Amino acid sequence: MKRAFYVLVAVAAFALTAGYAADSTQITGYISDSACGAKHLGDNTACVKGCISHGEKPVFVDAAQKKVWKIDNPDSVKDFYGAKVVVTATSDAANMSVHIDSVAASK
């Protein structure tokens, strides 16, 4: 009985993980800060770093719609403040947030 329970838990965990990964999407945009948002996109690394060092949160701004998304895991973008990036992320439209699985500089 115990073994069946553990197998069921493992299968459920795998199914949830696979379902979560299936919802990931690649999106091109910018890493900005919660104070400036989409006001200035492009090469504004110094401003973004300055705002974040003063307590603002990093945000993702999608390049196409200029929508500002909170980042659930902000440490994932710490090397990309102010940069144009391509992220693989799962979005939560109800909370306007994204969970970033991977991030790379965009050309």
C-alpha atoms as a PDB file:
ATOM      1  CA  MET A   1       0.000   0.000   0.000  1.00  0.00           C
ATOM      2  CA  LYS A   2       2.837   2.402   0.861  1.00  0.00           C
ATOM      3  CA  ARG A   3       4.595   1.653  -2.395  1.00  0.00           C
ATOM      4  CA  ALA A   4       1.469   2.395  -4.431  1.00  0.00           C
ATOM      5  CA  PHE A   5       1.093   5.713  -2.630  1.00  0.00           C
ATOM      6  CA  TYR A   6       4.688   6.733  -3.378  1.00  0.00           C
ATOM      7  CA  VAL A   7       4.337   5.731  -7.020  1.00  0.00           C
ATOM      8  CA  LEU A   8       1.136   7.779  -7.273  1.00  0.00           C
ATOM      9  CA  VAL A   9       2.864  10.804  -5.700  1.00  0.00           C
ATOM     10  CA  ALA A  10       5.814  10.474  -8.085  1.00  0.00           C
ATOM     11  CA  VAL A  11       3.527  10.231 -11.125  1.00  0.00           C
ATOM     12  CA  ALA A  12       1.508  13.254  -9.980  1.00  0.00           C
ATOM     13  CA  ALA A  13       4.684  15.296  -9.403  1.00  0.00           C
ATOM     14  CA  PHE A  14       5.996  14.384 -12.843  1.00  0.00           C
ATOM     15  CA  ALA A  15       2.672  15.263 -14.478  1.00  0.00           C
ATOM     16  CA  LEU A  16       2.590  18.648 -12.761  1.00  0.00           C
ATOM     17  CA  THR A  17       6.176  19.386 -13.767  1.00  0.00           C
ATOM     18  CA  ALA A  18       5.560  18.368 -17.375  1.00  0.00           C
ATOM     19  CA  GLY A  19       2.392  20.452 -17.504  1.00  0.00           C
ATOM     20  CA  TYR A  20       4.174  23.449 -16.030  1.00  0.00           C
ATOM     21  CA  ALA A  21       7.014  23.214 -18.545  1.00  0.00           C
ATOM     22  CA  ALA A  22       4.560  22.840 -21.432  1.00  0.00           C
ATOM     23  CA  ASP A  23       3.155  26.307 -20.702  1.00  0.00           C
ATOM     24  CA  SER A  24       6.544  27.993 -21.072  1.00  0.00           C
ATOM     25  CA  THR A  25       6.893  30.458 -23.934  1.00  0.00           C
ATOM     26  CA  GLN A  26       9.839  32.317 -25.440  1.00  0.00           C
ATOM     27  CA  ILE A  27       9.332  36.071 -25.293  1.00  0.00           C
ATOM     28  CA  THR A  28      11.635  38.900 -26.377  1.00  0.00           C
ATOM     29  CA  GLY A  29      11.699  41.992 -24.210  1.00  0.00           C
ATOM     30  CA  TYR A  30      13.659  44.082 -21.744  1.00  0.00           C
ATOM     31  CA  ILE A  31      14.575  43.831 -18.089  1.00  0.00           C
ATOM     32  CA  SER A  32      13.588  47.127 -16.505  1.00  0.00           C
ATOM     33  CA  ASP A  33      12.628  48.263 -13.017  1.00  0.00           C
ATOM     34  CA  SER A  34       9.253  48.775 -11.363  1.00  0.00           C
ATOM     35  CA  ALA A  35       9.680  52.560 -11.190  1.00  0.00           C
ATOM     36  CA  CYS A  36      10.440  53.156 -14.873  1.00  0.00           C
ATOM     37  CA  GLY A  37       8.677  50.154 -16.422  1.00  0.00           C
ATOM     38  CA  ALA A  38       8.360  50.674 -20.184  1.00  0.00           C
ATOM     39  CA  LYS A  39       9.276  54.395 -20.118  1.00  0.00           C
ATOM     40  CA  HIS A  40      12.714  53.889 -21.550  1.00  0.00           C
ATOM     41  CA  LEU A  41      13.664  50.705 -23.287  1.00  0.00           C
ATOM     42  CA  GLY A  42      16.973  49.879 -24.821  1.00  0.00           C
ATOM     43  CA  ASP A  43      20.378  50.490 -23.326  1.00  0.00           C
ATOM     44  CA  ASN A  44      19.487  51.954 -19.930  1.00  0.00           C
ATOM     45  CA  THR A  45      21.534  49.650 -17.779  1.00  0.00           C
ATOM     46  CA  ALA A  46      22.752  52.374 -15.413  1.00  0.00           C
ATOM     47  CA  CYS A  47      19.235  53.682 -14.705  1.00  0.00           C
ATOM     48  CA  VAL A  48      17.794  50.204 -14.158  1.00  0.00           C
ATOM     49  CA  LYS A  49      20.662  49.185 -11.867  1.00  0.00           C
ATOM     50  CA  GLY A  50      20.337  52.457  -9.954  1.00  0.00           C
ATOM     51  CA  CYS A  51      16.594  52.075  -9.427  1.00  0.00           C
ATOM     52  CA  ILE A  52      16.965  48.457  -8.345  1.00  0.00           C
ATOM     53  CA  SER A  53      19.760  49.362  -5.925  1.00  0.00           C
ATOM     54  CA  HIS A  54      17.356  51.888  -4.369  1.00  0.00           C
ATOM     55  CA  GLY A  55      14.697  49.235  -3.736  1.00  0.00           C
ATOM     56  CA  GLU A  56      12.741  48.950  -6.967  1.00  0.00           C
ATOM     57  CA  LYS A  57      11.994  45.461  -8.273  1.00  0.00           C
ATOM     58  CA  PRO A  58      13.173  44.119 -11.644  1.00  0.00           C
ATOM     59  CA  VAL A  59      10.348  43.692 -14.174  1.00  0.00           C
ATOM     60  CA  PHE A  60      10.044  42.221 -17.649  1.00  0.00           C
ATOM     61  CA  VAL A  61       8.666  44.419 -20.451  1.00  0.00           C
ATOM     62  CA  ASP A  62       7.619  42.490 -23.542  1.00  0.00           C
ATOM     63  CA  ALA A  63       8.946  44.100 -26.701  1.00  0.00           C
ATOM     64  CA  ALA A  64       5.791  43.676 -28.787  1.00  0.00           C
ATOM     65  CA  GLN A  65       3.077  45.039 -26.492  1.00  0.00           C
ATOM     66  CA  LYS A  66       5.175  47.047 -24.001  1.00  0.00           C
ATOM     67  CA  LYS A  67       3.332  45.347 -21.132  1.00  0.00           C
ATOM     68  CA  VAL A  68       5.126  45.314 -17.786  1.00  0.00           C
ATOM     69  CA  TRP A  69       5.247  41.957 -15.989  1.00  0.00           C
ATOM     70  CA  LYS A  70       6.401  41.320 -12.412  1.00  0.00           C
ATOM     71  CA  ILE A  71       9.097  38.655 -12.149  1.00  0.00           C
ATOM     72  CA  ASP A  72       8.371  35.842  -9.664  1.00  0.00           C
ATOM     73  CA  ASN A  73      12.039  34.882  -9.443  1.00  0.00           C
ATOM     74  CA  PRO A  74      13.965  38.182  -9.785  1.00  0.00           C
ATOM     75  CA  ASP A  75      17.377  36.611  -9.098  1.00  0.00           C
ATOM     76  CA  SER A  76      17.126  34.892 -12.489  1.00  0.00           C
ATOM     77  CA  VAL A  77      17.679  38.231 -14.299  1.00  0.00           C
ATOM     78  CA  LYS A  78      20.299  39.905 -12.083  1.00  0.00           C
ATOM     79  CA  ASP A  79      22.916  39.774 -14.865  1.00  0.00           C
ATOM     80  CA  PHE A  80      20.587  41.363 -17.443  1.00  0.00           C
ATOM     81  CA  TYR A  81      19.376  44.648 -15.880  1.00  0.00           C
ATOM     82  CA  GLY A  82      18.573  47.099 -18.680  1.00  0.00           C
ATOM     83  CA  ALA A  83      19.246  44.584 -21.446  1.00  0.00           C
ATOM     84  CA  LYS A  84      17.146  43.300 -24.314  1.00  0.00           C
ATOM     85  CA  VAL A  85      16.621  39.598 -23.640  1.00  0.00           C
ATOM     86  CA  VAL A  86      14.852  36.469 -24.780  1.00  0.00           C
ATOM     87  CA  VAL A  87      13.232  34.650 -21.870  1.00  0.00           C
ATOM     88  CA  THR A  88      11.593  31.278 -21.613  1.00  0.00           C
ATOM     89  CA  ALA A  89       8.876  31.882 -19.074  1.00  0.00           C
ATOM     90  CA  THR A  90       5.495  30.866 -17.775  1.00  0.00           C
ATOM     91  CA  SER A  91       3.106  33.778 -17.461  1.00  0.00           C
ATOM     92  CA  ASP A  92       0.284  34.396 -14.999  1.00  0.00           C
ATOM     93  CA  ALA A  93      -1.964  36.898 -16.766  1.00  0.00           C
ATOM     94  CA  ALA A  94      -4.222  37.339 -13.735  1.00  0.00           C
ATOM     95  CA  ASN A  95      -1.290  38.642 -11.656  1.00  0.00           C
ATOM     96  CA  MET A  96       0.661  40.139 -14.591  1.00  0.00           C
ATOM     97  CA  SER A  97       3.682  38.093 -13.549  1.00  0.00           C
ATOM     98  CA  VAL A  98       6.139  35.712 -15.152  1.00  0.00           C
ATOM     99  CA  HIS A  99       8.281  32.905 -13.812  1.00  0.00           C
ATOM    100  CA  ILE A 100      11.477  32.906 -15.852  1.00  0.00           C
ATOM    101  CA  ASP A 101      12.940  29.497 -16.613  1.00  0.00           C
ATOM    102  CA  SER A 102      15.863  30.803 -18.697  1.00  0.00           C
ATOM    103  CA  VAL A 103      17.144  34.124 -19.976  1.00  0.00           C
ATOM    104  CA  ALA A 104      19.634  35.048 -22.701  1.00  0.00           C
ATOM    105  CA  ALA A 105      20.773  38.323 -24.242  1.00  0.00           C
ATOM    106  CA  SER A 106      18.930  39.187 -27.452  1.00  0.00           C
ATOM    107  CA  LYS A 107      20.636  40.498 -30.559  1.00  0.00           C
END
